[in-house]
Amino acid sequence: MKRLMLFGWLVLAAVVAGLGFIRLAPSDPLDWNTQPEFTEDKEFRGGVFRVVRTGPGGLERFHRIASHAPRTSVLAGGPDDGMVTYITRTQVLGFPDYTTAAQDGDLLKVYARLRFGRSDLGANKERINNWLAEMEGAPQEASASE
């Protein structure tokens, strides 16, 4: 009985340590504030690429939506830098997902991916599609030249 109790406590400690690592693991901006070259929408097991014609102010509009999303914070960059990386954590366990958005002329390129595991069960795709849909419905600010 004592061995079974000891085993149970060891398993519990391992689970708590694993969840603690996931929640507290450092995120190096040099590793995550990057984008591969892509020119079209693509879905993969752990994330999604999206390319949207937004005009030159797309990143600023995207940033207003993404930076106010629940459980989302800016890891690196900003609209003035031309690229921003966000961390969005899952509600219960706090798994981090990374989204990097970059302005490329009139195109907004969004790259969302998970950090841990092999599949995000479509969470990145759903989140990015929602942010982009919200962006389409948001009013565009008038330019300073008007």
C-alpha atoms as a PDB file:
ATOM      1  CA  MET A   1       0.000   0.000   0.000  1.00  0.00           C
ATOM      2  CA  LYS A   2       2.842   2.385   0.838  1.00  0.00           C
ATOM      3  CA  ARG A   3       4.447   1.777  -2.546  1.00  0.00           C
ATOM      4  CA  LEU A   4       1.183   2.540  -4.316  1.00  0.00           C
ATOM      5  CA  MET A   5       0.802   5.788  -2.358  1.00  0.00           C
ATOM      6  CA  LEU A   6       4.395   6.734  -3.117  1.00  0.00           C
ATOM      7  CA  PHE A   7       3.854   6.006  -6.813  1.00  0.00           C
ATOM      8  CA  GLY A   8       0.691   8.134  -6.793  1.00  0.00           C
ATOM      9  CA  TRP A   9       2.519  11.071  -5.208  1.00  0.00           C
ATOM     10  CA  LEU A  10       5.372  10.747  -7.708  1.00  0.00           C
ATOM     11  CA  VAL A  11       2.954  10.769 -10.644  1.00  0.00           C
ATOM     12  CA  LEU A  12       1.160  13.800  -9.215  1.00  0.00           C
ATOM     13  CA  ALA A  13       4.477  15.621  -8.709  1.00  0.00           C
ATOM     14  CA  ALA A  14       5.523  14.823 -12.295  1.00  0.00           C
ATOM     15  CA  VAL A  15       2.221  16.167 -13.679  1.00  0.00           C
ATOM     16  CA  VAL A  16       2.491  19.354 -11.614  1.00  0.00           C
ATOM     17  CA  ALA A  17       6.126  19.839 -12.698  1.00  0.00           C
ATOM     18  CA  GLY A  18       5.205  19.293 -16.364  1.00  0.00           C
ATOM     19  CA  LEU A  19       2.321  21.763 -16.212  1.00  0.00           C
ATOM     20  CA  GLY A  20       4.538  24.235 -14.375  1.00  0.00           C
ATOM     21  CA  PHE A  21       7.152  23.962 -17.108  1.00  0.00           C
ATOM     22  CA  ILE A  22       4.551  24.557 -19.817  1.00  0.00           C
ATOM     23  CA  ARG A  23       3.187  27.600 -17.981  1.00  0.00           C
ATOM     24  CA  LEU A  24       6.570  29.108 -17.008  1.00  0.00           C
ATOM     25  CA  ALA A  25       8.850  28.124 -19.909  1.00  0.00           C
ATOM     26  CA  PRO A  26      10.620  31.235 -21.223  1.00  0.00           C
ATOM     27  CA  SER A  27       9.760  32.495 -24.700  1.00  0.00           C
ATOM     28  CA  ASP A  28      12.793  33.903 -26.476  1.00  0.00           C
ATOM     29  CA  PRO A  29      11.728  36.620 -28.948  1.00  0.00           C
ATOM     30  CA  LEU A  30      14.652  35.688 -31.197  1.00  0.00           C
ATOM     31  CA  ASP A  31      13.162  32.211 -31.615  1.00  0.00           C
ATOM     32  CA  TRP A  32       9.510  33.197 -32.055  1.00  0.00           C
ATOM     33  CA  ASN A  33       9.436  36.658 -33.669  1.00  0.00           C
ATOM     34  CA  THR A  34      10.098  35.232 -37.142  1.00  0.00           C
ATOM     35  CA  GLN A  35       8.125  34.146 -40.177  1.00  0.00           C
ATOM     36  CA  PRO A  36       8.954  31.712 -42.943  1.00  0.00           C
ATOM     37  CA  GLU A  37       8.425  32.886 -46.499  1.00  0.00           C
ATOM     38  CA  PHE A  38       4.915  32.080 -47.664  1.00  0.00           C
ATOM     39  CA  THR A  39       2.658  33.553 -50.319  1.00  0.00           C
ATOM     40  CA  GLU A  40      -0.636  31.730 -49.846  1.00  0.00           C
ATOM     41  CA  ASP A  41      -2.912  30.358 -47.146  1.00  0.00           C
ATOM     42  CA  LYS A  42      -1.857  27.015 -45.712  1.00  0.00           C
ATOM     43  CA  GLU A  43      -3.000  24.812 -42.851  1.00  0.00           C
ATOM     44  CA  PHE A  44      -0.839  22.323 -41.002  1.00  0.00           C
ATOM     45  CA  ARG A  45      -1.235  20.157 -37.903  1.00  0.00           C
ATOM     46  CA  GLY A  46      -0.032  22.720 -35.407  1.00  0.00           C
ATOM     47  CA  GLY A  47      -1.127  25.957 -37.003  1.00  0.00           C
ATOM     48  CA  VAL A  48      -1.932  28.049 -40.019  1.00  0.00           C
ATOM     49  CA  PHE A  49      -0.593  30.614 -42.511  1.00  0.00           C
ATOM     50  CA  ARG A  50      -2.904  33.348 -43.726  1.00  0.00           C
ATOM     51  CA  VAL A  51      -2.211  35.968 -46.413  1.00  0.00           C
ATOM     52  CA  VAL A  52      -4.750  38.795 -46.636  1.00  0.00           C
ATOM     53  CA  ARG A  53      -4.792  41.900 -48.838  1.00  0.00           C
ATOM     54  CA  THR A  54      -5.396  44.648 -46.272  1.00  0.00           C
ATOM     55  CA  GLY A  55      -3.626  47.688 -47.630  1.00  0.00           C
ATOM     56  CA  PRO A  56      -0.688  49.236 -45.786  1.00  0.00           C
ATOM     57  CA  GLY A  57      -2.561  49.668 -42.460  1.00  0.00           C
ATOM     58  CA  GLY A  58      -3.469  46.018 -41.992  1.00  0.00           C
ATOM     59  CA  LEU A  59      -0.944  45.273 -39.271  1.00  0.00           C
ATOM     60  CA  GLU A  60      -2.133  48.191 -37.145  1.00  0.00           C
ATOM     61  CA  ARG A  61      -5.755  47.025 -37.411  1.00  0.00           C
ATOM     62  CA  PHE A  62      -4.752  43.435 -36.681  1.00  0.00           C
ATOM     63  CA  HIS A  63      -2.717  44.597 -33.675  1.00  0.00           C
ATOM     64  CA  ARG A  64      -5.692  46.459 -32.182  1.00  0.00           C
ATOM     65  CA  ILE A  65      -7.716  43.237 -32.262  1.00  0.00           C
ATOM     66  CA  ALA A  66      -5.023  40.719 -31.282  1.00  0.00           C
ATOM     67  CA  SER A  67      -3.546  42.761 -28.434  1.00  0.00           C
ATOM     68  CA  HIS A  68      -6.963  42.987 -26.769  1.00  0.00           C
ATOM     69  CA  ALA A  69      -7.855  39.308 -27.193  1.00  0.00           C
ATOM     70  CA  PRO A  70      -8.311  37.194 -24.055  1.00  0.00           C
ATOM     71  CA  ARG A  71      -5.157  35.556 -22.646  1.00  0.00           C
ATOM     72  CA  THR A  72      -3.042  37.223 -25.369  1.00  0.00           C
ATOM     73  CA  SER A  73       0.046  39.370 -24.851  1.00  0.00           C
ATOM     74  CA  VAL A  74       2.711  40.849 -27.110  1.00  0.00           C
ATOM     75  CA  LEU A  75       6.001  38.944 -27.049  1.00  0.00           C
ATOM     76  CA  ALA A  76       7.991  41.133 -29.440  1.00  0.00           C
ATOM     77  CA  GLY A  77       7.710  43.801 -32.080  1.00  0.00           C
ATOM     78  CA  GLY A  78       4.936  46.194 -32.888  1.00  0.00           C
ATOM     79  CA  PRO A  79       3.161  47.785 -35.836  1.00  0.00           C
ATOM     80  CA  ASP A  80       5.971  50.348 -36.191  1.00  0.00           C
ATOM     81  CA  ASP A  81       8.459  47.459 -36.580  1.00  0.00           C
ATOM     82  CA  GLY A  82       6.392  45.867 -39.353  1.00  0.00           C
ATOM     83  CA  MET A  83       6.072  42.596 -37.416  1.00  0.00           C
ATOM     84  CA  VAL A  84       4.478  41.590 -34.096  1.00  0.00           C
ATOM     85  CA  THR A  85       4.484  38.267 -32.255  1.00  0.00           C
ATOM     86  CA  TYR A  86       1.756  37.439 -29.734  1.00  0.00           C
ATOM     87  CA  ILE A  87       1.443  34.658 -27.163  1.00  0.00           C
ATOM     88  CA  THR A  88      -2.048  33.312 -26.560  1.00  0.00           C
ATOM     89  CA  ARG A  89      -2.474  30.785 -23.756  1.00  0.00           C
ATOM     90  CA  THR A  90      -5.174  28.152 -23.495  1.00  0.00           C
ATOM     91  CA  GLN A  91      -7.737  28.824 -20.818  1.00  0.00           C
ATOM     92  CA  VAL A  92      -7.279  25.819 -18.550  1.00  0.00           C
ATOM     93  CA  LEU A  93      -3.699  24.544 -18.844  1.00  0.00           C
ATOM     94  CA  GLY A  94      -2.003  27.650 -20.219  1.00  0.00           C
ATOM     95  CA  PHE A  95      -0.430  26.050 -23.294  1.00  0.00           C
ATOM     96  CA  PRO A  96       1.198  28.830 -25.367  1.00  0.00           C
ATOM     97  CA  ASP A  97       0.408  29.439 -29.020  1.00  0.00           C
ATOM     98  CA  TYR A  98       2.440  31.977 -30.996  1.00  0.00           C
ATOM     99  CA  THR A  99       1.070  34.253 -33.695  1.00  0.00           C
ATOM    100  CA  THR A 100       3.373  36.391 -35.819  1.00  0.00           C
ATOM    101  CA  ALA A 101       1.813  39.017 -38.077  1.00  0.00           C
ATOM    102  CA  ALA A 102       3.846  41.013 -40.594  1.00  0.00           C
ATOM    103  CA  GLN A 103       2.998  43.683 -43.133  1.00  0.00           C
ATOM    104  CA  ASP A 104       4.405  42.988 -46.607  1.00  0.00           C
ATOM    105  CA  GLY A 105       3.298  45.873 -48.822  1.00  0.00           C
ATOM    106  CA  ASP A 106      -0.482  45.605 -49.101  1.00  0.00           C
ATOM    107  CA  LEU A 107      -0.444  42.055 -47.724  1.00  0.00           C
ATOM    108  CA  LEU A 108      -0.813  41.049 -44.082  1.00  0.00           C
ATOM    109  CA  LYS A 109       0.890  37.715 -43.437  1.00  0.00           C
ATOM    110  CA  VAL A 110      -0.163  35.849 -40.299  1.00  0.00           C
ATOM    111  CA  TYR A 111       1.640  32.752 -39.017  1.00  0.00           C
ATOM    112  CA  ALA A 112       0.087  30.982 -36.017  1.00  0.00           C
ATOM    113  CA  ARG A 113       1.597  27.873 -34.441  1.00  0.00           C
ATOM    114  CA  LEU A 114       1.743  25.857 -31.254  1.00  0.00           C
ATOM    115  CA  ARG A 115       4.774  25.366 -29.059  1.00  0.00           C
ATOM    116  CA  PHE A 116       4.082  22.089 -27.283  1.00  0.00           C
ATOM    117  CA  GLY A 117       2.514  18.994 -28.780  1.00  0.00           C
ATOM    118  CA  ARG A 118       1.747  17.937 -32.308  1.00  0.00           C
ATOM    119  CA  SER A 119      -1.782  19.203 -32.876  1.00  0.00           C
ATOM    120  CA  ASP A 120      -3.736  22.190 -31.644  1.00  0.00           C
ATOM    121  CA  LEU A 121      -7.101  20.676 -32.676  1.00  0.00           C
ATOM    122  CA  GLY A 122      -7.724  23.641 -34.961  1.00  0.00           C
ATOM    123  CA  ALA A 123      -7.449  26.287 -32.221  1.00  0.00           C
ATOM    124  CA  ASN A 124      -4.948  28.469 -34.106  1.00  0.00           C
ATOM    125  CA  LYS A 125      -6.977  28.318 -37.313  1.00  0.00           C
ATOM    126  CA  GLU A 126     -10.181  29.264 -35.503  1.00  0.00           C
ATOM    127  CA  ARG A 127      -8.538  32.122 -33.578  1.00  0.00           C
ATOM    128  CA  ILE A 128      -6.833  33.639 -36.630  1.00  0.00           C
ATOM    129  CA  ASN A 129      -9.931  33.311 -38.797  1.00  0.00           C
ATOM    130  CA  ASN A 130     -11.956  35.047 -36.067  1.00  0.00           C
ATOM    131  CA  TRP A 131      -9.405  37.860 -35.700  1.00  0.00           C
ATOM    132  CA  LEU A 132      -9.309  38.397 -39.470  1.00  0.00           C
ATOM    133  CA  ALA A 133     -13.118  38.382 -39.683  1.00  0.00           C
ATOM    134  CA  GLU A 134     -13.266  40.892 -36.833  1.00  0.00           C
ATOM    135  CA  MET A 135     -10.674  42.989 -38.643  1.00  0.00           C
ATOM    136  CA  GLU A 136     -12.815  43.054 -41.802  1.00  0.00           C
ATOM    137  CA  GLY A 137     -15.763  44.294 -39.768  1.00  0.00           C
ATOM    138  CA  ALA A 138     -13.741  46.944 -37.903  1.00  0.00           C
ATOM    139  CA  PRO A 139     -13.835  50.479 -39.316  1.00  0.00           C
ATOM    140  CA  GLN A 140     -10.618  51.615 -40.961  1.00  0.00           C
ATOM    141  CA  GLU A 141      -9.133  54.816 -39.590  1.00  0.00           C
ATOM    142  CA  ALA A 142      -8.916  57.700 -42.019  1.00  0.00           C
ATOM    143  CA  SER A 143      -5.404  58.428 -43.196  1.00  0.00           C
ATOM    144  CA  ALA A 144      -3.670  61.604 -42.072  1.00  0.00           C
ATOM    145  CA  SER A 145      -3.588  62.921 -45.647  1.00  0.00           C
ATOM    146  CA  GLU A 146      -7.401  63.099 -45.947  1.00  0.00           C
END
